[in-house]
Amino acid sequence: MNLTTEQREQVATEMKRFGADLNLNNEQKEKLQSALSEGREKIGEYLKNNPNASKADMIAKVKAHRTEIRQRVVNFLSPEQLSKWDSEVAKAKEFLGHKFDA
């Protein structure tokens, strides 16, 4: 998934806003960062090992990792934070939908 510079900046701005909106404590921040980093690493490894992967293959991998990340955040987010998380993930899917139908 290749985003333009403008799209990357928009994603970064939204992530900062979302992070502030979740009002995470330091432990939650560390756990979330770890979960997201691990997901990015797994996708990166998959791309490295499968340079000719189809778009459908990538969509399946991203969906699987998104599910894994959600399972992890359930363990440390409050019900209110989790509700905000789910809402923001839905918004992200809409934003990325034109670029990456996942």
Protein backbone atom coordinates (compact mmCIF):
# COMPACT_ATOMS: atom_id res chain seq x y z
CA MET A 1 0.00 0.00 0.00
CA ASN A 2 1.72 3.14 -1.18
CA LEU A 3 0.40 6.37 0.29
CA THR A 4 1.27 9.80 -1.02
CA THR A 5 3.20 12.17 1.23
CA GLU A 6 -0.02 14.09 1.85
CA GLN A 7 -1.87 10.90 2.82
CA ARG A 8 0.96 9.84 5.18
CA GLU A 9 0.85 13.26 6.84
CA GLN A 10 -2.92 13.01 7.18
CA VAL A 11 -2.60 9.56 8.77
CA ALA A 12 0.08 10.83 11.18
CA THR A 13 -2.10 13.79 12.19
CA GLU A 14 -5.09 11.53 12.74
CA MET A 15 -3.01 9.08 14.80
CA LYS A 16 -1.84 11.92 17.07
CA ARG A 17 -5.40 13.18 17.49
CA PHE A 18 -6.68 9.69 18.13
CA GLY A 19 -3.94 8.95 20.65
CA ALA A 20 -4.82 12.09 22.60
CA ASP A 21 -8.54 11.26 22.41
CA LEU A 22 -7.96 7.80 23.92
CA ASN A 23 -6.24 9.39 26.94
CA LEU A 24 -3.88 6.44 27.38
CA ASN A 25 -1.72 6.03 30.45
CA ASN A 26 1.99 5.30 29.95
CA GLU A 27 1.58 1.54 30.25
CA GLN A 28 -1.22 1.54 27.68
CA LYS A 29 0.88 3.67 25.32
CA GLU A 30 3.73 1.17 25.52
CA LYS A 31 1.44 -1.80 24.93
CA LEU A 32 -0.29 -0.14 21.99
CA GLN A 33 3.01 0.91 20.43
CA SER A 34 4.26 -2.65 20.78
CA ALA A 35 1.13 -4.12 19.19
CA LEU A 36 1.22 -1.70 16.25
CA SER A 37 4.97 -2.12 15.70
CA GLU A 38 4.65 -5.88 15.72
CA GLY A 39 1.86 -5.68 13.14
CA ARG A 40 3.94 -3.44 10.86
CA GLU A 41 6.91 -5.79 11.19
CA LYS A 42 4.82 -8.82 10.27
CA ILE A 43 3.46 -7.09 7.18
CA GLY A 44 6.96 -5.96 6.24
CA GLU A 45 8.32 -9.49 6.62
CA TYR A 46 5.47 -10.85 4.53
CA LEU A 47 6.19 -8.36 1.76
CA LYS A 48 9.91 -9.14 1.89
CA ASN A 49 9.27 -12.87 1.65
CA ASN A 50 6.47 -12.51 -0.92
CA PRO A 51 7.43 -9.63 -3.23
CA ASN A 52 4.89 -10.71 -5.83
CA ALA A 53 1.97 -11.03 -3.40
CA SER A 54 -1.36 -10.06 -4.90
CA LYS A 55 -3.52 -7.28 -3.55
CA ALA A 56 -5.95 -9.91 -2.27
CA ASP A 57 -3.13 -11.63 -0.37
CA MET A 58 -2.11 -8.35 1.23
CA ILE A 59 -5.69 -7.53 2.19
CA ALA A 60 -5.98 -10.92 3.90
CA LYS A 61 -2.73 -10.35 5.81
CA VAL A 62 -3.71 -6.85 6.93
CA LYS A 63 -7.12 -8.11 8.09
CA ALA A 64 -5.51 -10.93 10.06
CA HIS A 65 -3.08 -8.57 11.77
CA ARG A 66 -5.80 -6.02 12.47
CA THR A 67 -7.77 -8.79 14.22
CA GLU A 68 -4.70 -9.78 16.24
CA ILE A 69 -4.11 -6.17 17.30
CA ARG A 70 -7.74 -5.79 18.38
CA GLN A 71 -7.48 -8.94 20.48
CA ARG A 72 -4.43 -7.46 22.19
CA VAL A 73 -5.95 -4.03 22.88
CA VAL A 74 -9.02 -5.61 24.47
CA ASN A 75 -6.68 -6.68 27.27
CA PHE A 76 -5.58 -3.20 28.27
CA LEU A 77 -8.10 -0.61 27.05
CA SER A 78 -11.09 0.39 29.14
CA PRO A 79 -14.56 -0.23 27.64
CA GLU A 80 -14.80 3.47 26.74
CA GLN A 81 -11.36 3.46 25.11
CA LEU A 82 -12.20 0.27 23.23
CA SER A 83 -15.38 1.85 21.88
CA LYS A 84 -13.34 4.82 20.62
CA TRP A 85 -10.76 2.40 19.17
CA ASP A 86 -13.43 0.54 17.18
CA SER A 87 -14.91 3.79 15.91
CA GLU A 88 -11.54 5.07 14.74
CA VAL A 89 -10.65 1.77 13.04
CA ALA A 90 -13.91 2.03 11.09
CA LYS A 91 -13.00 5.60 10.04
CA ALA A 92 -9.54 4.45 8.97
CA LYS A 93 -11.05 1.71 6.82
CA GLU A 94 -13.18 4.35 5.09
CA PHE A 95 -10.21 6.67 4.58
CA LEU A 96 -8.03 3.90 3.19
CA GLY A 97 -10.84 2.22 1.28
CA HIS A 98 -10.12 4.04 -1.94
CA LYS A 99 -6.46 3.01 -1.71
CA PHE A 100 -6.69 -0.34 0.02
CA ASP A 101 -9.99 -2.18 0.20
CA ALA A 102 -9.48 -3.91 3.57
